[in-house]
Amino acid sequence: MIVYLHGFRSSPASRKATMLRDALTARGRADEYRCPALVPSPARAVDQVLQVVANEVPERLALIGSSLGGYYATWLAERLGCRAALLNPAIRPQDDLARFLGEQPVYFSDATIEFRREYLGELDDIDTPTISRPERYFLLAATGDTVIDYRAMVHKYAGARQRIIAGGDHELSDFAQYLDEVLAFCDGQRVGN
């Protein structure tokens, strides 16, 4: 099973989520893909994912997390012992999201969410400053990301497989170019550095 965890104010209708769904469907693997619509509460969001993967064995499970979803994927992978591909993952979102308190629009949707102050504490509760087994991680980081400093990502995931993209942006607009490499990692295949 491959579970995609979208970022803050994003949704299962995001560009990367759609690309992943379509790629796996084209390969006859649609039943292996999950992308829950994560609720704004970090504590409840990770519980959602734990429920989705409750019957999966770690060796057959891979998480793909984008931005805040990468923060969640790191915490979950440490607890579950599965692989995680991280796409410009958030490093300390509790330091950045305080300016987004209140009602926020959801990208790729007409919906809104309410981001509450207590959610910052929930982010602290699932903070994972270091990873225990770097070989379980694949980092895809863009040097042109203006939201998260790629150097912080490289440092946190030291020893993990890493693909550093010269330039690029936070959204990873060129994700299609790296999709096969991400899926190969999720399937347990060796990917280059």
Foldseek 3Di string as FASTA:
>chain_A
DEEEEEDPLEACLDPVNVVLCVVCVVVVRNVVYHYHGAAQQLVVRLVVVCVVCVPPQQALYEYEYAACRLQSRQLVCQVRVHAYEYEQYHQQVLVPCPVVAAWAHRPPDRDIHGHHNVSSVVSVVSHDQAHDDLQRYEYEEECQEPPHHVVSVCVRSPPHHYDYHYHAYSSRPVVVVCSVVVVCVNNVHDDHD
